[in-house]
Amino acid sequence: MLNEIMNAISQKIRSVFGSEYKIYFDEIAQGFKEPCFFISLLQANQKQIIGNRYFREHFFDIHYYPKSTAGITREVNEVTDKLLMALEYISIGGDLIRGTKMKHEVHDDVLHFFVNYDVFVKKVIEKGPLMMEYTQTQKLKG
């Protein structure tokens, strides 16, 4: 599920910004070229709701490294506006997941765009073998 969400985020970013923006998942290589994105899972939680039904929260931080470090305010504002609209819904397996708690911050000339993707999941419970034979014996007290 986590990789599917990260792939959906990446596809949405690519559809909005194009292929000229490199998207990283694991780590950013030294000497990378801006502009680029880095998708990072900050935290994931799971809570049992009832029976085999669970609620999962996924907290993401999407870093954006601007083209230049001089006068980045306008560039970061434009990217933030696009991310706010684009990441409201992502598609996974034909289903839409809504992004919530979106906010952004800028640290050391890097945009940090935070978004949550929360989903309900059902745990698949394997059924054991069915009873094949049943024997009952009775006795009468006399």
Protein backbone atom coordinates (compact mmCIF):
# COMPACT_ATOMS: atom_id res chain seq x y z
CA MET A 1 0.00 0.00 0.00
CA LEU A 2 2.79 2.46 0.86
CA ASN A 3 4.60 1.98 -2.43
CA GLU A 4 1.31 2.35 -4.31
CA ILE A 5 0.63 5.67 -2.57
CA MET A 6 4.15 6.93 -3.29
CA ASN A 7 3.82 5.90 -6.95
CA ALA A 8 0.44 7.66 -7.20
CA ILE A 9 1.94 10.86 -5.72
CA SER A 10 4.81 10.63 -8.20
CA GLN A 11 2.46 10.11 -11.16
CA LYS A 12 0.35 13.09 -10.13
CA ILE A 13 3.42 15.33 -9.74
CA ARG A 14 4.73 14.19 -13.12
CA SER A 15 1.36 14.88 -14.79
CA VAL A 16 1.36 18.45 -13.44
CA PHE A 17 5.04 19.41 -13.72
CA GLY A 18 6.23 17.23 -16.62
CA SER A 19 9.17 14.93 -17.04
CA GLU A 20 11.83 17.65 -16.71
CA TYR A 21 11.42 17.45 -12.91
CA LYS A 22 13.23 14.44 -11.46
CA ILE A 23 11.42 12.64 -8.61
CA TYR A 24 13.39 10.79 -5.94
CA PHE A 25 12.18 8.29 -3.33
CA ASP A 26 15.12 6.76 -1.51
CA GLU A 27 17.74 9.45 -1.37
CA ILE A 28 18.94 12.33 -3.43
CA ALA A 29 22.26 11.66 -5.08
CA GLN A 30 25.07 14.11 -4.61
CA GLY A 31 25.22 16.56 -7.49
CA PHE A 32 21.50 16.30 -8.32
CA LYS A 33 19.98 18.85 -10.69
CA GLU A 34 17.24 21.21 -9.64
CA PRO A 35 14.33 21.52 -9.95
CA CYS A 36 13.38 18.18 -8.42
CA PHE A 37 11.11 16.52 -5.89
CA PHE A 38 11.84 14.08 -3.08
CA ILE A 39 8.91 12.06 -1.68
CA SER A 40 9.42 10.96 1.90
CA LEU A 41 7.14 8.96 4.17
CA LEU A 42 7.43 10.55 7.61
CA GLN A 43 5.16 8.24 9.56
CA ALA A 44 2.50 5.56 9.11
CA ASN A 45 0.02 4.42 11.76
CA GLN A 46 -2.52 1.63 11.86
CA LYS A 47 -5.42 1.31 14.27
CA GLN A 48 -7.90 -1.55 14.45
CA ILE A 49 -11.45 -0.28 14.13
CA ILE A 50 -13.58 -3.39 14.39
CA GLY A 51 -12.90 -7.02 13.51
CA ASN A 52 -10.72 -7.20 10.43
CA ARG A 53 -11.18 -3.49 9.54
CA TYR A 54 -8.23 -1.12 10.10
CA PHE A 55 -7.58 2.60 9.66
CA ARG A 56 -4.17 3.59 8.30
CA GLU A 57 -2.69 7.09 8.36
CA HIS A 58 0.21 7.99 6.06
CA PHE A 59 2.11 11.26 6.65
CA PHE A 60 4.22 12.43 3.69
CA ASP A 61 6.73 15.24 3.26
CA ILE A 62 7.32 16.18 -0.36
CA HIS A 63 10.48 18.24 -0.74
CA TYR A 64 10.84 20.59 -3.67
CA TYR A 65 14.29 21.88 -4.58
CA PRO A 66 13.84 25.07 -6.65
CA LYS A 67 15.73 25.96 -9.83
CA SER A 68 17.85 28.58 -8.09
CA THR A 69 18.35 29.77 -4.54
CA ALA A 70 18.01 33.46 -5.45
CA GLY A 71 14.48 34.85 -5.31
CA ILE A 72 12.77 31.54 -4.69
CA THR A 73 9.64 32.98 -3.08
CA ARG A 74 7.60 33.27 -6.27
CA GLU A 75 8.75 29.90 -7.59
CA VAL A 76 7.94 28.16 -4.30
CA ASN A 77 4.53 29.87 -4.15
CA GLU A 78 3.68 28.66 -7.67
CA VAL A 79 4.75 25.10 -6.90
CA THR A 80 2.79 25.14 -3.63
CA ASP A 81 -0.38 26.29 -5.42
CA LYS A 82 -0.03 23.50 -7.97
CA LEU A 83 0.65 20.86 -5.30
CA LEU A 84 -2.36 21.97 -3.24
CA MET A 85 -4.66 21.38 -6.21
CA ALA A 86 -2.93 18.34 -7.71
CA LEU A 87 -2.49 16.26 -4.56
CA GLU A 88 -6.03 16.69 -3.24
CA TYR A 89 -6.89 13.36 -4.90
CA ILE A 90 -4.62 10.56 -6.07
CA SER A 91 -5.69 7.37 -7.82
CA ILE A 92 -4.74 3.89 -6.63
CA GLY A 93 -6.16 0.91 -8.47
CA GLY A 94 -9.02 2.97 -9.85
CA ASP A 95 -9.98 4.31 -6.40
CA LEU A 96 -9.45 7.92 -5.32
CA ILE A 97 -7.74 8.75 -2.04
CA ARG A 98 -8.09 12.25 -0.65
CA GLY A 99 -5.11 14.18 0.66
CA THR A 100 -5.76 15.97 3.95
CA LYS A 101 -3.95 18.23 6.41
CA MET A 102 -1.97 19.89 3.62
CA LYS A 103 0.51 22.52 4.70
CA HIS A 104 3.89 23.78 3.61
CA GLU A 105 7.04 25.28 5.06
CA VAL A 106 10.32 26.50 3.59
CA HIS A 107 13.57 25.51 5.32
CA ASP A 108 17.03 26.23 3.89
CA ASP A 109 15.52 27.23 0.52
CA VAL A 110 13.69 23.88 0.22
CA LEU A 111 9.89 23.63 0.12
CA HIS A 112 8.44 21.00 2.45
CA PHE A 113 4.89 20.13 1.43
CA PHE A 114 3.10 17.95 4.00
CA VAL A 115 0.07 15.83 3.12
CA ASN A 116 -1.77 12.90 4.74
CA TYR A 117 -3.37 10.01 2.89
CA ASP A 118 -5.62 8.02 5.21
CA VAL A 119 -7.40 4.82 4.19
CA PHE A 120 -9.50 2.01 5.60
CA VAL A 121 -8.25 -1.49 4.86
CA LYS A 122 -9.60 -4.97 5.48
CA LYS A 123 -7.35 -7.75 6.66
CA VAL A 124 -7.87 -10.94 4.67
CA ILE A 125 -8.55 -13.78 7.04
CA GLU A 126 -7.80 -17.21 5.66
CA LYS A 127 -10.48 -19.72 6.42
CA GLY A 128 -9.46 -23.03 7.91
CA PRO A 129 -10.65 -26.36 6.58
CA LEU A 130 -14.33 -27.08 6.90
CA MET A 131 -15.49 -29.95 9.06
CA MET A 132 -15.75 -32.99 6.83
CA GLU A 133 -17.33 -35.51 9.17
CA TYR A 134 -19.23 -35.35 12.41
CA THR A 135 -20.00 -38.28 14.67
CA GLN A 136 -22.45 -38.12 17.54
CA THR A 137 -23.06 -40.86 20.07
CA GLN A 138 -25.90 -40.99 22.56
CA LYS A 139 -26.67 -43.15 25.55
CA LEU A 140 -29.84 -43.43 27.58
CA LYS A 141 -29.72 -43.70 31.34
CA GLY A 142 -31.91 -46.46 32.47
